[in-house]
Amino acid sequence: MQAELDHIAISATTLAEGVSQVEDALGVALGPGGRHPVMGTHNRLLGMGPTYLEIIAIDPDAPGPDHPRWFDLDRFTGTPRLTNWIVRTDDLVASLDALDVDAGAPLAVTRGDLRWLMAVPQDGRLPFDAAFPALIEWQGPHPTDRLEDSGCRLRALEVIHPEAEALRAALAPLGLPVAVTVSQGPRAFRAEIGTPHGRREITG
């Protein structure tokens, strides 16, 4: 089973703050997004060829869900930063069954004509302090099918964790996506993005 990198997620206290920071960092305009009523969140997206970048925040105009939000957003504080990477699979249930860690249970989500299954942990917290990826299965069109190409490309994603060897072992049933490396060190993310203005970096 070979995982594919679907997208990366930048969490923010407010969507406007996240959009402003990412647009300043990359020098390009963010594309559209939408709302996720099941989670009380909203987002904006940036097309990057076969992958995309998502900025996500709690939607202040939406009622709060009766369960923890994905990406552990209920506990998020501070400046916008890269907090998660999302891996695409064509069989989410089989992928979850193959893992030795609890990466969550499938949740059906829809937005317009977009339909997907997302693995969401019961407490909202992914394994290895969220250094483990969220898993997604698209069931129809993919966001990159309609996002305008920004001219940006994700060149490399480094996932850094103090238990790097254990994280690599946990990822083994999925296979490590191309351009993703796992390194030893204090938990952090580092994404290298090629832009029309040259190489830029987003961290978390």
Protein backbone atom coordinates (compact mmCIF):
# COMPACT_ATOMS: atom_id res chain seq x y z
CA MET A 1 0.00 0.00 0.00
CA GLN A 2 1.60 3.29 -1.10
CA ALA A 3 0.31 6.49 0.43
CA GLU A 4 -0.04 9.66 -1.59
CA LEU A 5 0.38 13.10 -0.10
CA ASP A 6 -2.97 14.83 -0.51
CA HIS A 7 -2.40 18.20 1.12
CA ILE A 8 -0.89 20.08 4.03
CA ALA A 9 -2.88 22.04 6.62
CA ILE A 10 -2.09 25.33 8.31
CA SER A 11 -4.16 25.90 11.45
CA ALA A 12 -5.09 29.41 12.52
CA THR A 13 -7.04 31.12 15.27
CA THR A 14 -8.94 33.04 12.60
CA LEU A 15 -9.15 32.29 8.91
CA ALA A 16 -8.28 35.87 7.99
CA GLU A 17 -5.08 35.72 10.04
CA GLY A 18 -4.05 32.46 8.40
CA VAL A 19 -4.76 33.73 4.89
CA SER A 20 -2.79 36.92 5.47
CA GLN A 21 0.26 35.07 6.82
CA VAL A 22 0.36 32.48 4.03
CA GLU A 23 -0.18 35.04 1.26
CA ASP A 24 2.68 37.11 2.68
CA ALA A 25 4.92 34.05 2.99
CA LEU A 26 4.30 32.70 -0.52
CA GLY A 27 3.54 35.87 -2.43
CA VAL A 28 0.42 34.42 -4.08
CA ALA A 29 -3.31 34.82 -3.51
CA LEU A 30 -5.29 32.08 -1.79
CA GLY A 31 -8.14 30.41 -3.63
CA PRO A 32 -11.67 29.77 -2.36
CA GLY A 33 -12.69 27.36 0.35
CA GLY A 34 -15.84 26.66 2.29
CA ARG A 35 -17.44 25.52 5.51
CA HIS A 36 -17.59 22.15 7.28
CA PRO A 37 -20.82 22.18 9.36
CA VAL A 38 -20.07 18.75 10.86
CA MET A 39 -16.91 20.23 12.47
CA GLY A 40 -17.78 23.91 12.81
CA THR A 41 -14.73 24.90 10.77
CA HIS A 42 -14.02 26.76 7.54
CA ASN A 43 -11.06 26.96 5.19
CA ARG A 44 -9.32 28.48 2.20
CA LEU A 45 -7.26 26.50 -0.30
CA LEU A 46 -4.25 27.00 -2.55
CA GLY A 47 -3.78 24.78 -5.58
CA MET A 48 -0.25 23.40 -5.89
CA GLY A 49 -0.48 21.06 -8.86
CA PRO A 50 -1.19 17.52 -7.62
CA THR A 51 -1.44 18.69 -3.99
CA TYR A 52 -2.86 21.71 -2.24
CA LEU A 53 -2.46 23.81 0.87
CA GLU A 54 -5.34 24.29 3.29
CA ILE A 55 -5.76 27.01 5.87
CA ILE A 56 -8.30 25.94 8.47
CA ALA A 57 -9.84 27.62 11.52
CA ILE A 58 -12.87 27.39 13.76
CA ASP A 59 -15.85 29.07 12.08
CA PRO A 60 -17.14 31.69 14.55
CA ASP A 61 -20.53 31.76 12.80
CA ALA A 62 -21.12 28.01 13.07
CA PRO A 63 -22.53 26.15 16.08
CA GLY A 64 -19.94 24.14 17.91
CA PRO A 65 -20.06 20.37 17.32
CA ASP A 66 -20.83 17.91 20.12
CA HIS A 67 -17.49 16.21 19.50
CA PRO A 68 -13.85 17.34 19.25
CA ARG A 69 -12.91 19.06 16.00
CA TRP A 70 -10.40 17.53 13.60
CA PHE A 71 -6.74 18.63 13.69
CA ASP A 72 -7.16 19.26 17.44
CA LEU A 73 -8.41 22.75 16.60
CA ASP A 74 -10.24 23.07 19.93
CA ARG A 75 -6.86 23.42 21.64
CA PHE A 76 -5.10 25.48 18.97
CA THR A 77 -3.52 28.77 20.07
CA GLY A 78 -0.83 31.07 18.80
CA THR A 79 0.16 32.20 15.34
CA PRO A 80 -0.87 30.34 12.17
CA ARG A 81 1.44 27.41 11.48
CA LEU A 82 1.75 24.11 9.69
CA THR A 83 0.13 21.53 11.96
CA ASN A 84 -0.86 18.56 9.83
CA TRP A 85 -0.25 16.56 6.70
CA ILE A 86 -2.97 14.58 5.02
CA VAL A 87 -2.47 11.32 3.14
CA ARG A 88 -4.84 10.08 0.44
CA THR A 89 -5.91 6.44 0.16
CA ASP A 90 -8.38 4.68 -2.11
CA ASP A 91 -9.61 2.47 0.76
CA LEU A 92 -9.68 4.28 4.07
CA VAL A 93 -11.07 1.40 6.10
CA ALA A 94 -8.40 -1.01 4.85
CA SER A 95 -5.68 1.56 5.49
CA LEU A 96 -6.85 2.10 9.07
CA ASP A 97 -7.06 -1.64 9.66
CA ALA A 98 -3.46 -2.06 8.48
CA LEU A 99 -2.10 0.37 11.06
CA ASP A 100 -0.76 -0.47 14.51
CA VAL A 101 -1.78 2.97 15.80
CA ASP A 102 -5.23 4.50 16.26
CA ALA A 103 -5.53 7.10 13.51
CA GLY A 104 -9.27 7.57 14.04
CA ALA A 105 -12.56 6.38 12.58
CA PRO A 106 -14.02 7.25 9.17
CA LEU A 107 -16.27 10.30 9.11
CA ALA A 108 -18.36 11.07 6.01
CA VAL A 109 -18.13 14.72 4.93
CA THR A 110 -19.76 16.61 2.06
CA ARG A 111 -19.45 20.13 0.70
CA GLY A 112 -21.25 20.89 -2.52
CA ASP A 113 -20.32 18.11 -4.92
CA LEU A 114 -17.22 17.19 -2.89
CA ARG A 115 -17.56 14.00 -0.88
CA TRP A 116 -14.91 12.37 1.23
CA LEU A 117 -14.20 10.10 4.19
CA MET A 118 -11.81 11.44 6.82
CA ALA A 119 -10.27 9.49 9.66
CA VAL A 120 -10.87 11.53 12.81
CA PRO A 121 -9.63 10.41 16.25
CA GLN A 122 -12.26 10.38 18.98
CA ASP A 123 -10.40 13.07 20.92
CA GLY A 124 -9.31 14.96 17.80
CA ARG A 125 -5.63 14.20 18.43
CA LEU A 126 -3.61 12.24 15.89
CA PRO A 127 -0.81 9.88 17.02
CA PHE A 128 2.74 11.11 17.64
CA ASP A 129 1.58 14.60 18.65
CA ALA A 130 -0.10 14.94 15.22
CA ALA A 131 3.13 14.12 13.41
CA PHE A 132 1.20 11.11 12.09
CA PRO A 133 -0.87 12.06 9.05
CA ALA A 134 -4.64 12.35 8.84
CA LEU A 135 -6.02 9.87 6.30
CA ILE A 136 -8.57 10.79 3.64
CA GLU A 137 -10.49 8.97 0.91
CA TRP A 138 -12.06 11.10 -1.82
CA GLN A 139 -15.31 9.79 -3.24
CA GLY A 140 -15.65 11.82 -6.41
CA PRO A 141 -14.06 15.10 -7.58
CA HIS A 142 -10.85 16.26 -5.93
CA PRO A 143 -10.28 19.92 -4.92
CA THR A 144 -7.31 20.18 -7.31
CA ASP A 145 -9.74 19.47 -10.19
CA ARG A 146 -11.18 22.96 -9.81
CA LEU A 147 -8.58 25.01 -7.97
CA GLU A 148 -6.68 27.56 -10.02
CA ASP A 149 -3.02 26.63 -10.28
CA SER A 150 -1.08 29.12 -8.17
CA GLY A 151 2.26 28.25 -9.74
CA CYS A 152 3.39 26.87 -6.37
CA ARG A 153 4.64 23.31 -5.86
CA LEU A 154 5.36 21.42 -2.67
CA ARG A 155 8.97 20.34 -3.14
CA ALA A 156 9.60 18.64 0.21
CA LEU A 157 7.91 18.03 3.53
CA GLU A 158 10.02 17.20 6.57
CA VAL A 159 8.25 15.70 9.57
CA ILE A 160 10.41 16.00 12.68
CA HIS A 161 9.70 14.06 15.87
CA PRO A 162 11.70 12.86 18.89
CA GLU A 163 10.47 9.31 18.23
CA ALA A 164 11.30 9.34 14.54
CA GLU A 165 12.12 5.63 14.34
CA ALA A 166 8.80 4.66 15.93
CA LEU A 167 6.96 7.08 13.64
CA ARG A 168 8.60 5.53 10.57
CA ALA A 169 7.56 2.07 11.80
CA ALA A 170 3.97 3.26 12.33
CA LEU A 171 3.92 4.68 8.80
CA ALA A 172 5.33 1.49 7.23
CA PRO A 173 1.95 -0.08 6.30
CA LEU A 174 1.12 3.05 4.29
CA GLY A 175 4.51 3.65 2.77
CA LEU A 176 6.13 7.06 3.01
CA PRO A 177 4.87 9.41 0.29
CA VAL A 178 7.33 10.80 -2.22
CA ALA A 179 8.89 14.10 -1.04
CA VAL A 180 8.18 13.33 2.65
CA THR A 181 11.00 12.61 5.08
CA VAL A 182 10.89 11.80 8.79
CA SER A 183 13.72 13.22 10.90
CA GLN A 184 14.82 13.02 14.52
CA GLY A 185 14.34 16.09 16.71
CA PRO A 186 11.81 18.20 18.59
CA ARG A 187 8.37 17.90 16.97
CA ALA A 188 8.10 20.24 14.00
CA PHE A 189 7.16 20.47 10.33
CA ARG A 190 9.07 22.08 7.49
CA ALA A 191 7.54 22.45 4.04
CA GLU A 192 9.65 23.66 1.12
CA ILE A 193 7.46 25.27 -1.52
CA GLY A 194 8.54 26.47 -4.93
CA THR A 195 6.68 29.66 -5.85
CA PRO A 196 6.71 32.07 -8.81
CA HIS A 197 8.99 34.19 -6.59
CA GLY A 198 11.44 31.43 -5.70
CA ARG A 199 11.78 28.93 -2.88
CA ARG A 200 9.80 29.64 0.29
CA GLU A 201 9.41 27.73 3.54
CA ILE A 202 6.44 27.20 5.84
CA THR A 203 7.04 25.67 9.25
CA GLY A 204 5.10 24.43 12.21
